[in-house]
C-alpha cells in the first residue's frame, strides 16, 4: 500500500497560531477536519493517521519550530518507510502574491528556513511542496516581523477560502499524484 506524509510547516505556540508563517498548520488542520482525523501528540509533533481513498496518510504538524522541520520529516519518512515523492511539504511563500498556490515536485528552498532544514536533513531537493503565497507587503528589513505577523483584515476576508482550496489540492496530490495536483491548482 502506498503511504503518504503530509507536513504543514509552522511554529508551535499560541503566539504563532494566526501568523503568516503558520499557513502550513492551518492547511493541514483543514485537511484533517475534512478527513475526520484528529491530531495526537507523537514524535516530533502532532500527528494524524488516516486514509484517503484507500491511501494510508500521515498528517504532521512538527513541533521542532520552522528551522528544524527537517528532523521531523526525516524521522517520519524513515519510520513509516515513505518515499520522498509521497511526502508533500506545505509552507508559506513571500515570493508569491497573497493566496496564490504553487505546487512543485522539487526545487530550491528559496530562502525558506523550513525548506532549507528539510533539504539539509534529506540531502535532496527532490520532494513535493505546496507553497501558498503570503505576499511581500513589508518595508526593507521588516521580513521577520511580516512573516511572524498576523494576517491583515483584507487577507482574513479570503484566507478561509484559500486554506480550503489548498486542502483540496492536497487531497488531489494523495489520490491523483503531483502532476494532476499541479495542473489543477497551480495559479489558483
N, C-alpha and C. Protein backbone atom coordinates (compact mmCIF):
# COMPACT_ATOMS: atom_id res chain seq x y z
N UNK A 1 0.84 -1.19 0.00
CA UNK A 1 0.00 0.00 0.00
C UNK A 1 0.88 1.25 0.00
N UNK A 2 0.56 2.19 -0.87
CA UNK A 2 1.27 3.47 -0.86
C UNK A 2 0.92 4.25 0.39
N UNK A 3 1.93 4.85 0.99
CA UNK A 3 1.73 5.70 2.15
C UNK A 3 2.13 7.12 1.79
N UNK A 4 1.50 8.08 2.46
CA UNK A 4 1.76 9.48 2.21
C UNK A 4 2.02 10.20 3.52
N UNK A 5 2.94 11.15 3.46
CA UNK A 5 3.21 12.03 4.59
C UNK A 5 2.93 13.45 4.14
N UNK A 6 2.00 14.10 4.81
CA UNK A 6 1.64 15.48 4.51
C UNK A 6 2.11 16.32 5.70
N UNK A 7 2.99 17.27 5.44
CA UNK A 7 3.59 18.06 6.51
C UNK A 7 3.26 19.53 6.35
N UNK A 8 2.57 20.08 7.32
CA UNK A 8 2.30 21.51 7.35
C UNK A 8 3.36 22.18 8.20
N UNK A 9 4.08 23.13 7.64
CA UNK A 9 5.13 23.80 8.40
C UNK A 9 4.56 24.98 9.18
N UNK A 10 5.13 25.17 10.37
CA UNK A 10 4.72 26.26 11.23
C UNK A 10 5.51 26.23 12.52
N UNK A 11 5.10 27.06 13.45
CA UNK A 11 5.72 27.11 14.77
C UNK A 11 4.66 26.83 15.82
N UNK A 12 5.00 25.99 16.79
CA UNK A 12 4.08 25.68 17.88
C UNK A 12 4.01 26.87 18.82
N UNK A 13 2.91 26.99 19.51
CA UNK A 13 2.74 28.05 20.50
C UNK A 13 1.64 29.02 20.12
N UNK A 14 0.91 29.46 21.13
CA UNK A 14 -0.24 30.33 20.92
C UNK A 14 0.13 31.62 20.20
N UNK A 15 1.34 32.12 20.43
CA UNK A 15 1.73 33.40 19.82
C UNK A 15 1.91 33.30 18.31
N UNK A 16 2.00 32.07 17.77
CA UNK A 16 2.23 31.89 16.34
C UNK A 16 0.99 31.43 15.56
N UNK A 17 -0.06 31.07 16.26
CA UNK A 17 -1.20 30.40 15.64
C UNK A 17 -1.70 31.10 14.38
N UNK A 18 -1.93 32.40 14.45
CA UNK A 18 -2.54 33.11 13.31
C UNK A 18 -1.53 33.96 12.54
N UNK A 19 -0.28 33.52 12.55
CA UNK A 19 0.74 34.26 11.79
C UNK A 19 0.86 33.70 10.38
N UNK A 20 1.39 34.51 9.48
CA UNK A 20 1.55 34.09 8.08
C UNK A 20 2.44 32.86 7.96
N UNK A 21 3.46 32.78 8.80
CA UNK A 21 4.42 31.66 8.72
C UNK A 21 3.76 30.33 9.07
N UNK A 22 2.58 30.36 9.70
CA UNK A 22 1.90 29.13 10.14
C UNK A 22 0.84 28.64 9.17
N UNK A 23 0.85 29.13 7.95
CA UNK A 23 -0.18 28.72 6.99
C UNK A 23 -0.17 27.20 6.77
N UNK A 24 1.00 26.57 6.85
CA UNK A 24 1.07 25.12 6.70
C UNK A 24 0.23 24.40 7.75
N UNK A 25 0.30 24.87 8.99
CA UNK A 25 -0.50 24.28 10.06
C UNK A 25 -1.99 24.45 9.76
N UNK A 26 -2.39 25.65 9.32
CA UNK A 26 -3.81 25.90 9.06
C UNK A 26 -4.34 25.00 7.95
N UNK A 27 -3.54 24.79 6.92
CA UNK A 27 -3.98 23.94 5.80
C UNK A 27 -4.12 22.49 6.24
N UNK A 28 -3.15 21.96 7.00
CA UNK A 28 -3.27 20.55 7.42
C UNK A 28 -4.36 20.37 8.47
N UNK A 29 -4.65 21.40 9.25
CA UNK A 29 -5.77 21.32 10.18
C UNK A 29 -7.09 21.21 9.42
N UNK A 30 -7.22 21.98 8.33
CA UNK A 30 -8.42 21.89 7.49
C UNK A 30 -8.50 20.53 6.81
N UNK A 31 -7.37 20.02 6.33
CA UNK A 31 -7.33 18.69 5.71
C UNK A 31 -7.77 17.62 6.70
N UNK A 32 -7.24 17.66 7.92
CA UNK A 32 -7.59 16.64 8.92
C UNK A 32 -9.08 16.70 9.24
N UNK A 33 -9.61 17.91 9.29
CA UNK A 33 -11.05 18.09 9.55
C UNK A 33 -11.86 17.42 8.43
N UNK A 34 -11.46 17.63 7.17
CA UNK A 34 -12.17 17.05 6.04
C UNK A 34 -12.07 15.52 6.02
N UNK A 35 -10.98 14.99 6.55
CA UNK A 35 -10.78 13.54 6.56
C UNK A 35 -11.22 12.91 7.89
N UNK A 36 -11.86 13.71 8.74
CA UNK A 36 -12.34 13.25 10.05
C UNK A 36 -11.24 12.61 10.88
N UNK A 37 -10.09 13.23 10.87
CA UNK A 37 -8.93 12.72 11.62
C UNK A 37 -8.55 13.73 12.69
N UNK A 38 -8.00 13.24 13.79
CA UNK A 38 -7.60 14.11 14.90
C UNK A 38 -6.10 14.04 15.12
N UNK A 39 -5.53 15.19 15.45
CA UNK A 39 -4.11 15.24 15.79
C UNK A 39 -3.90 14.73 17.20
N UNK A 40 -2.82 13.96 17.36
CA UNK A 40 -2.43 13.47 18.68
C UNK A 40 -0.94 13.71 18.84
N UNK A 41 -0.50 13.96 20.08
CA UNK A 41 0.93 14.14 20.30
C UNK A 41 1.70 12.89 19.87
N UNK A 42 2.81 13.09 19.20
CA UNK A 42 3.63 11.97 18.75
C UNK A 42 5.08 12.46 18.65
N UNK A 43 5.93 11.61 18.09
CA UNK A 43 7.33 12.01 17.92
C UNK A 43 7.43 13.20 16.99
N UNK A 44 8.14 14.21 17.42
CA UNK A 44 8.41 15.41 16.62
C UNK A 44 7.18 16.22 16.25
N UNK A 45 6.07 16.07 16.99
CA UNK A 45 4.94 16.93 16.70
C UNK A 45 3.59 16.31 16.95
N UNK A 46 2.60 16.90 16.31
CA UNK A 46 1.22 16.43 16.34
C UNK A 46 0.96 15.65 15.05
N UNK A 47 0.35 14.47 15.17
CA UNK A 47 0.19 13.59 14.02
C UNK A 47 -1.23 13.06 13.92
N UNK A 48 -1.75 12.99 12.69
CA UNK A 48 -2.99 12.29 12.37
C UNK A 48 -2.62 11.08 11.55
N UNK A 49 -3.22 9.95 11.85
CA UNK A 49 -3.12 8.77 10.99
C UNK A 49 -4.50 8.53 10.42
N UNK A 50 -4.60 8.52 9.10
CA UNK A 50 -5.89 8.36 8.46
C UNK A 50 -5.68 7.68 7.11
N UNK A 51 -6.74 7.60 6.34
CA UNK A 51 -6.59 7.16 4.95
C UNK A 51 -7.52 7.99 4.10
N UNK A 52 -7.14 8.12 2.84
CA UNK A 52 -7.96 8.86 1.89
C UNK A 52 -8.05 8.02 0.62
N UNK A 53 -9.24 7.57 0.32
CA UNK A 53 -9.50 6.74 -0.86
C UNK A 53 -8.51 5.56 -0.93
N UNK A 54 -8.35 4.89 0.21
CA UNK A 54 -7.51 3.70 0.27
C UNK A 54 -6.02 3.96 0.41
N UNK A 55 -5.63 5.21 0.56
CA UNK A 55 -4.21 5.53 0.70
C UNK A 55 -3.92 5.95 2.14
N UNK A 56 -3.08 5.18 2.79
CA UNK A 56 -2.68 5.48 4.18
C UNK A 56 -1.98 6.83 4.20
N UNK A 57 -2.46 7.72 5.06
CA UNK A 57 -1.95 9.09 5.08
C UNK A 57 -1.62 9.52 6.51
N UNK A 58 -0.43 10.07 6.66
CA UNK A 58 0.01 10.65 7.93
C UNK A 58 0.07 12.16 7.71
N UNK A 59 -0.56 12.91 8.61
CA UNK A 59 -0.57 14.37 8.53
C UNK A 59 0.17 14.88 9.76
N UNK A 60 1.20 15.69 9.52
CA UNK A 60 2.10 16.09 10.60
C UNK A 60 2.19 17.61 10.74
N UNK A 61 2.13 18.06 12.00
CA UNK A 61 2.48 19.44 12.36
C UNK A 61 3.72 19.33 13.25
N UNK A 62 4.91 19.55 12.70
CA UNK A 62 6.13 19.40 13.51
C UNK A 62 6.16 20.38 14.68
N UNK A 63 6.69 19.92 15.81
CA UNK A 63 6.85 20.81 16.96
C UNK A 63 8.31 21.23 17.14
N UNK A 64 9.06 21.11 16.08
CA UNK A 64 10.50 21.41 16.11
C UNK A 64 10.80 22.88 15.85
N UNK A 65 9.79 23.68 15.61
CA UNK A 65 9.93 25.04 15.09
C UNK A 65 10.44 24.95 13.66
N UNK A 66 10.16 25.98 12.92
CA UNK A 66 10.40 26.01 11.49
C UNK A 66 11.82 25.60 11.11
N UNK A 67 12.81 26.14 11.79
CA UNK A 67 14.21 25.96 11.40
C UNK A 67 14.73 24.54 11.56
N UNK A 68 13.98 23.68 12.24
CA UNK A 68 14.41 22.29 12.44
C UNK A 68 13.38 21.30 11.90
N UNK A 69 12.52 21.74 11.00
CA UNK A 69 11.46 20.90 10.45
C UNK A 69 12.00 19.62 9.81
N UNK A 70 13.19 19.69 9.26
CA UNK A 70 13.78 18.53 8.58
C UNK A 70 13.93 17.33 9.49
N UNK A 71 14.18 17.55 10.77
CA UNK A 71 14.31 16.44 11.72
C UNK A 71 13.02 15.63 11.77
N UNK A 72 11.88 16.32 11.84
CA UNK A 72 10.58 15.66 11.91
C UNK A 72 10.28 14.91 10.61
N UNK A 73 10.52 15.57 9.48
CA UNK A 73 10.23 14.96 8.18
C UNK A 73 11.07 13.70 7.99
N UNK A 74 12.36 13.80 8.27
CA UNK A 74 13.25 12.65 8.10
C UNK A 74 12.82 11.49 9.00
N UNK A 75 12.47 11.79 10.25
CA UNK A 75 12.05 10.74 11.19
C UNK A 75 10.83 9.98 10.65
N UNK A 76 9.79 10.71 10.23
CA UNK A 76 8.55 10.05 9.81
C UNK A 76 8.70 9.34 8.47
N UNK A 77 9.46 9.90 7.55
CA UNK A 77 9.70 9.18 6.29
C UNK A 77 10.38 7.85 6.57
N UNK A 78 11.37 7.87 7.46
CA UNK A 78 12.10 6.65 7.81
C UNK A 78 11.23 5.68 8.59
N UNK A 79 10.55 6.17 9.61
CA UNK A 79 9.74 5.30 10.48
C UNK A 79 8.66 4.58 9.69
N UNK A 80 8.00 5.29 8.78
CA UNK A 80 6.88 4.70 8.04
C UNK A 80 7.29 4.20 6.65
N UNK A 81 8.59 4.28 6.34
CA UNK A 81 9.10 3.83 5.05
C UNK A 81 8.32 4.46 3.88
N UNK A 82 8.26 5.80 3.92
CA UNK A 82 7.55 6.56 2.90
C UNK A 82 8.58 7.18 1.95
N UNK A 83 8.33 7.04 0.67
CA UNK A 83 9.23 7.61 -0.33
C UNK A 83 9.10 9.13 -0.34
N UNK A 84 10.21 9.86 -0.52
CA UNK A 84 10.13 11.33 -0.54
C UNK A 84 9.12 11.87 -1.55
N UNK A 85 8.91 11.19 -2.66
CA UNK A 85 7.95 11.69 -3.64
C UNK A 85 6.50 11.59 -3.15
N UNK A 86 6.28 10.84 -2.05
CA UNK A 86 4.96 10.74 -1.44
C UNK A 86 4.83 11.63 -0.21
N UNK A 87 5.76 12.54 -0.07
CA UNK A 87 5.75 13.49 1.05
C UNK A 87 5.51 14.89 0.50
N UNK A 88 4.44 15.51 0.93
CA UNK A 88 4.12 16.87 0.48
C UNK A 88 4.35 17.84 1.64
N UNK A 89 5.22 18.82 1.41
CA UNK A 89 5.51 19.85 2.40
C UNK A 89 4.68 21.08 2.07
N UNK A 90 3.99 21.63 3.06
CA UNK A 90 3.13 22.79 2.85
C UNK A 90 3.68 23.97 3.65
N UNK A 91 3.90 25.08 2.95
CA UNK A 91 4.50 26.24 3.64
C UNK A 91 4.07 27.55 2.99
N UNK A 92 4.47 28.64 3.63
CA UNK A 92 4.22 29.98 3.14
C UNK A 92 5.29 30.36 2.12
N UNK A 93 4.98 31.36 1.28
CA UNK A 93 5.96 31.84 0.30
C UNK A 93 5.82 33.34 0.11
N UNK A 94 6.88 34.06 0.47
CA UNK A 94 6.93 35.52 0.32
C UNK A 94 6.97 35.95 -1.14
N UNK A 95 7.45 35.09 -2.02
CA UNK A 95 7.65 35.45 -3.42
C UNK A 95 6.40 35.31 -4.27
N UNK A 96 5.32 34.83 -3.67
CA UNK A 96 4.06 34.68 -4.40
C UNK A 96 3.04 35.67 -3.86
N UNK A 97 2.20 36.22 -4.73
CA UNK A 97 1.14 37.10 -4.25
C UNK A 97 0.24 36.37 -3.25
N UNK A 98 -0.35 37.11 -2.34
CA UNK A 98 -1.20 36.51 -1.31
C UNK A 98 -2.23 35.57 -1.93
N UNK A 99 -2.31 34.36 -1.38
CA UNK A 99 -3.33 33.40 -1.77
C UNK A 99 -3.01 32.54 -2.98
N UNK A 100 -1.91 32.82 -3.67
CA UNK A 100 -1.55 32.04 -4.87
C UNK A 100 -0.98 30.69 -4.46
N UNK A 101 -1.46 29.64 -5.10
CA UNK A 101 -0.98 28.28 -4.83
C UNK A 101 0.07 27.92 -5.87
N UNK A 102 1.17 27.35 -5.41
CA UNK A 102 2.21 26.85 -6.30
C UNK A 102 2.63 25.47 -5.80
N UNK A 103 2.40 24.46 -6.63
CA UNK A 103 2.78 23.09 -6.30
C UNK A 103 3.90 22.69 -7.23
N UNK A 104 4.96 22.10 -6.67
CA UNK A 104 6.10 21.66 -7.47
C UNK A 104 6.57 20.30 -6.95
N UNK A 105 7.16 19.52 -7.83
CA UNK A 105 7.66 18.21 -7.44
C UNK A 105 9.04 18.28 -6.82
N UNK A 106 9.73 19.40 -7.00
CA UNK A 106 11.08 19.60 -6.46
C UNK A 106 11.42 21.07 -6.61
N UNK A 107 12.58 21.46 -6.09
CA UNK A 107 13.00 22.84 -6.28
C UNK A 107 13.88 23.32 -5.15
N UNK A 108 14.30 24.57 -5.27
CA UNK A 108 15.17 25.16 -4.25
C UNK A 108 14.34 25.54 -3.04
N UNK A 109 15.03 25.88 -1.97
CA UNK A 109 14.33 26.29 -0.75
C UNK A 109 13.91 27.76 -0.81
N UNK A 110 14.42 28.51 -1.78
CA UNK A 110 14.06 29.92 -1.98
C UNK A 110 14.22 30.74 -0.70
N UNK A 111 15.16 30.35 0.14
CA UNK A 111 15.42 31.08 1.37
C UNK A 111 14.48 30.76 2.51
N UNK A 112 13.56 29.82 2.32
CA UNK A 112 12.61 29.44 3.38
C UNK A 112 13.32 28.52 4.37
N UNK A 113 13.37 28.91 5.62
CA UNK A 113 14.13 28.15 6.62
C UNK A 113 13.60 26.73 6.85
N UNK A 114 12.29 26.54 6.76
CA UNK A 114 11.74 25.20 6.91
C UNK A 114 12.17 24.29 5.77
N UNK A 115 12.08 24.79 4.54
CA UNK A 115 12.51 24.01 3.37
C UNK A 115 14.02 23.76 3.41
N UNK A 116 14.76 24.76 3.87
CA UNK A 116 16.22 24.63 3.99
C UNK A 116 16.56 23.49 4.95
N UNK A 117 15.87 23.41 6.07
CA UNK A 117 16.09 22.35 7.05
C UNK A 117 15.76 20.97 6.47
N UNK A 118 14.65 20.89 5.74
CA UNK A 118 14.25 19.62 5.12
C UNK A 118 15.28 19.20 4.08
N UNK A 119 15.70 20.14 3.26
CA UNK A 119 16.72 19.86 2.24
C UNK A 119 18.00 19.33 2.89
N UNK A 120 18.43 19.95 3.98
CA UNK A 120 19.64 19.51 4.69
C UNK A 120 19.46 18.12 5.30
N UNK A 121 18.29 17.86 5.88
CA UNK A 121 18.05 16.56 6.52
C UNK A 121 17.93 15.43 5.51
N UNK A 122 17.26 15.70 4.39
CA UNK A 122 17.04 14.65 3.39
C UNK A 122 18.18 14.59 2.37
N UNK A 123 19.03 15.61 2.36
CA UNK A 123 20.13 15.71 1.39
C UNK A 123 19.62 15.67 -0.05
N UNK A 124 18.47 16.33 -0.26
CA UNK A 124 17.91 16.42 -1.61
C UNK A 124 16.90 17.55 -1.68
N UNK A 125 16.67 18.03 -2.89
CA UNK A 125 15.60 18.99 -3.15
C UNK A 125 14.43 18.29 -3.85
N UNK A 126 14.54 16.97 -3.98
CA UNK A 126 13.58 16.16 -4.73
C UNK A 126 12.43 15.70 -3.83
N UNK A 127 11.59 16.63 -3.43
CA UNK A 127 10.38 16.29 -2.68
C UNK A 127 9.31 17.33 -3.04
N UNK A 128 8.06 16.90 -3.12
CA UNK A 128 6.98 17.82 -3.50
C UNK A 128 6.70 18.85 -2.41
N UNK A 129 6.24 20.01 -2.88
CA UNK A 129 5.85 21.05 -1.93
C UNK A 129 4.68 21.84 -2.49
N UNK A 130 3.84 22.29 -1.58
CA UNK A 130 2.75 23.20 -1.90
C UNK A 130 3.06 24.48 -1.14
N UNK A 131 3.23 25.55 -1.89
CA UNK A 131 3.53 26.84 -1.26
C UNK A 131 2.32 27.76 -1.49
N UNK A 132 1.91 28.41 -0.42
CA UNK A 132 0.81 29.37 -0.52
C UNK A 132 1.39 30.77 -0.33
N UNK A 133 1.12 31.63 -1.30
CA UNK A 133 1.66 32.98 -1.26
C UNK A 133 1.12 33.79 -0.09
N UNK A 134 2.03 34.49 0.57
CA UNK A 134 1.64 35.40 1.65
C UNK A 134 1.94 36.84 1.26
N UNK A 135 2.45 37.04 0.04
CA UNK A 135 2.78 38.38 -0.41
C UNK A 135 4.06 38.89 0.23
N UNK A 136 4.39 40.12 -0.09
CA UNK A 136 5.63 40.71 0.45
C UNK A 136 5.42 42.19 0.75
N UNK A 137 4.33 42.48 1.41
CA UNK A 137 3.96 43.86 1.70
C UNK A 137 4.63 44.35 2.99
N UNK A 138 5.97 44.46 2.93
CA UNK A 138 6.70 44.91 4.11
C UNK A 138 7.86 45.79 3.67
N UNK A 139 8.30 46.63 4.59
CA UNK A 139 9.43 47.53 4.32
C UNK A 139 10.74 46.77 4.46
N UNK A 140 11.77 47.30 3.82
CA UNK A 140 13.09 46.69 3.89
C UNK A 140 13.50 46.46 5.35
N UNK A 141 13.98 45.25 5.63
CA UNK A 141 14.41 44.91 6.98
C UNK A 141 13.29 44.44 7.89
N UNK A 142 12.06 44.39 7.38
CA UNK A 142 10.91 44.00 8.21
C UNK A 142 10.36 42.61 7.87
N UNK A 143 11.14 41.81 7.15
CA UNK A 143 10.65 40.50 6.71
C UNK A 143 10.24 39.60 7.87
N UNK A 144 11.06 39.52 8.90
CA UNK A 144 10.74 38.63 10.03
C UNK A 144 9.46 39.07 10.71
N UNK A 145 9.30 40.37 10.92
CA UNK A 145 8.07 40.87 11.54
C UNK A 145 6.86 40.56 10.67
N UNK A 146 7.05 40.62 9.36
CA UNK A 146 5.94 40.35 8.43
C UNK A 146 5.52 38.89 8.48
N UNK A 147 6.47 37.96 8.33
CA UNK A 147 6.08 36.54 8.30
C UNK A 147 5.57 36.07 9.66
N UNK A 148 6.08 36.65 10.73
CA UNK A 148 5.61 36.28 12.07
C UNK A 148 4.46 37.17 12.54
N UNK A 149 4.00 38.04 11.63
CA UNK A 149 2.86 38.91 11.94
C UNK A 149 1.55 38.23 11.59
N UNK A 150 0.47 38.78 12.15
CA UNK A 150 -0.85 38.23 11.87
C UNK A 150 -1.38 38.77 10.55
N UNK A 151 -2.37 38.07 10.01
CA UNK A 151 -2.97 38.42 8.72
C UNK A 151 -3.65 39.78 8.82
N UNK A 152 -3.63 40.53 7.72
CA UNK A 152 -4.35 41.81 7.68
C UNK A 152 -5.85 41.53 7.59
N UNK A 153 -6.65 42.54 7.85
CA UNK A 153 -8.11 42.38 7.76
C UNK A 153 -8.51 42.00 6.34
N UNK A 154 -7.86 42.60 5.36
CA UNK A 154 -8.16 42.30 3.95
C UNK A 154 -7.83 40.83 3.63
N UNK A 155 -6.69 40.35 4.12
CA UNK A 155 -6.30 38.94 3.88
C UNK A 155 -7.27 37.99 4.56
N UNK A 156 -7.72 38.34 5.75
CA UNK A 156 -8.63 37.47 6.51
C UNK A 156 -9.93 37.22 5.75
N UNK A 157 -10.33 38.17 4.89
CA UNK A 157 -11.58 38.03 4.14
C UNK A 157 -11.57 36.82 3.20
N UNK A 158 -10.40 36.48 2.65
CA UNK A 158 -10.34 35.35 1.70
C UNK A 158 -9.47 34.20 2.20
N UNK A 159 -8.91 34.33 3.40
CA UNK A 159 -7.99 33.31 3.91
C UNK A 159 -8.65 31.94 4.03
N UNK A 160 -9.84 31.87 4.57
CA UNK A 160 -10.52 30.58 4.76
C UNK A 160 -10.72 29.87 3.42
N UNK A 161 -11.08 30.64 2.39
CA UNK A 161 -11.27 30.05 1.06
C UNK A 161 -9.94 29.52 0.52
N UNK A 162 -8.85 30.26 0.70
CA UNK A 162 -7.54 29.83 0.20
C UNK A 162 -7.07 28.56 0.93
N UNK A 163 -7.34 28.49 2.22
CA UNK A 163 -6.99 27.30 3.01
C UNK A 163 -7.80 26.11 2.52
N UNK A 164 -9.09 26.32 2.26
CA UNK A 164 -9.96 25.24 1.80
C UNK A 164 -9.49 24.71 0.44
N UNK A 165 -9.20 25.61 -0.49
CA UNK A 165 -8.74 25.19 -1.82
C UNK A 165 -7.40 24.46 -1.71
N UNK A 166 -6.52 24.95 -0.86
CA UNK A 166 -5.22 24.29 -0.66
C UNK A 166 -5.40 22.87 -0.12
N UNK A 167 -6.35 22.70 0.81
CA UNK A 167 -6.57 21.35 1.36
C UNK A 167 -7.13 20.42 0.28
N UNK A 168 -7.92 20.95 -0.63
CA UNK A 168 -8.41 20.14 -1.75
C UNK A 168 -7.25 19.75 -2.68
N UNK A 169 -6.31 20.66 -2.86
CA UNK A 169 -5.13 20.36 -3.68
C UNK A 169 -4.32 19.22 -3.05
N UNK A 170 -4.25 19.20 -1.73
CA UNK A 170 -3.53 18.11 -1.04
C UNK A 170 -4.25 16.78 -1.28
N UNK A 171 -5.56 16.79 -1.20
CA UNK A 171 -6.32 15.57 -1.47
C UNK A 171 -6.06 15.07 -2.89
N UNK A 172 -5.99 15.99 -3.85
CA UNK A 172 -5.70 15.62 -5.23
C UNK A 172 -4.30 15.00 -5.33
N UNK A 173 -3.33 15.60 -4.63
CA UNK A 173 -1.97 15.04 -4.60
C UNK A 173 -1.99 13.60 -4.10
N UNK A 174 -2.69 13.35 -3.01
CA UNK A 174 -2.72 12.00 -2.42
C UNK A 174 -3.36 11.01 -3.38
N UNK A 175 -4.49 11.38 -3.96
CA UNK A 175 -5.25 10.42 -4.78
C UNK A 175 -4.78 10.35 -6.22
N UNK A 176 -4.42 11.50 -6.81
CA UNK A 176 -4.16 11.54 -8.26
C UNK A 176 -2.72 11.85 -8.62
N UNK A 177 -1.88 12.22 -7.64
CA UNK A 177 -0.48 12.46 -7.92
C UNK A 177 -0.12 13.92 -8.11
N UNK A 178 1.17 14.17 -8.11
CA UNK A 178 1.70 15.54 -8.16
C UNK A 178 1.35 16.26 -9.47
N UNK A 179 1.44 15.56 -10.60
CA UNK A 179 1.17 16.21 -11.89
C UNK A 179 -0.26 16.70 -11.97
N UNK A 180 -1.21 15.86 -11.57
CA UNK A 180 -2.61 16.29 -11.59
C UNK A 180 -2.85 17.44 -10.62
N UNK A 181 -2.23 17.39 -9.45
CA UNK A 181 -2.38 18.48 -8.48
C UNK A 181 -1.83 19.79 -9.05
N UNK A 182 -0.66 19.72 -9.70
CA UNK A 182 -0.08 20.92 -10.30
C UNK A 182 -0.99 21.47 -11.40
N UNK A 183 -1.44 20.59 -12.28
CA UNK A 183 -2.27 21.02 -13.40
C UNK A 183 -3.58 21.66 -12.95
N UNK A 184 -4.15 21.10 -11.89
CA UNK A 184 -5.46 21.58 -11.44
C UNK A 184 -5.38 22.83 -10.56
N UNK A 185 -4.31 22.95 -9.77
CA UNK A 185 -4.31 24.01 -8.75
C UNK A 185 -3.26 25.10 -8.90
N UNK A 186 -2.21 24.89 -9.67
CA UNK A 186 -1.20 25.95 -9.77
C UNK A 186 -1.81 27.23 -10.33
N UNK A 187 -1.52 28.33 -9.63
CA UNK A 187 -2.01 29.62 -10.05
C UNK A 187 -3.40 29.96 -9.59
N UNK A 188 -4.08 28.99 -8.96
CA UNK A 188 -5.45 29.27 -8.46
C UNK A 188 -5.41 30.17 -7.26
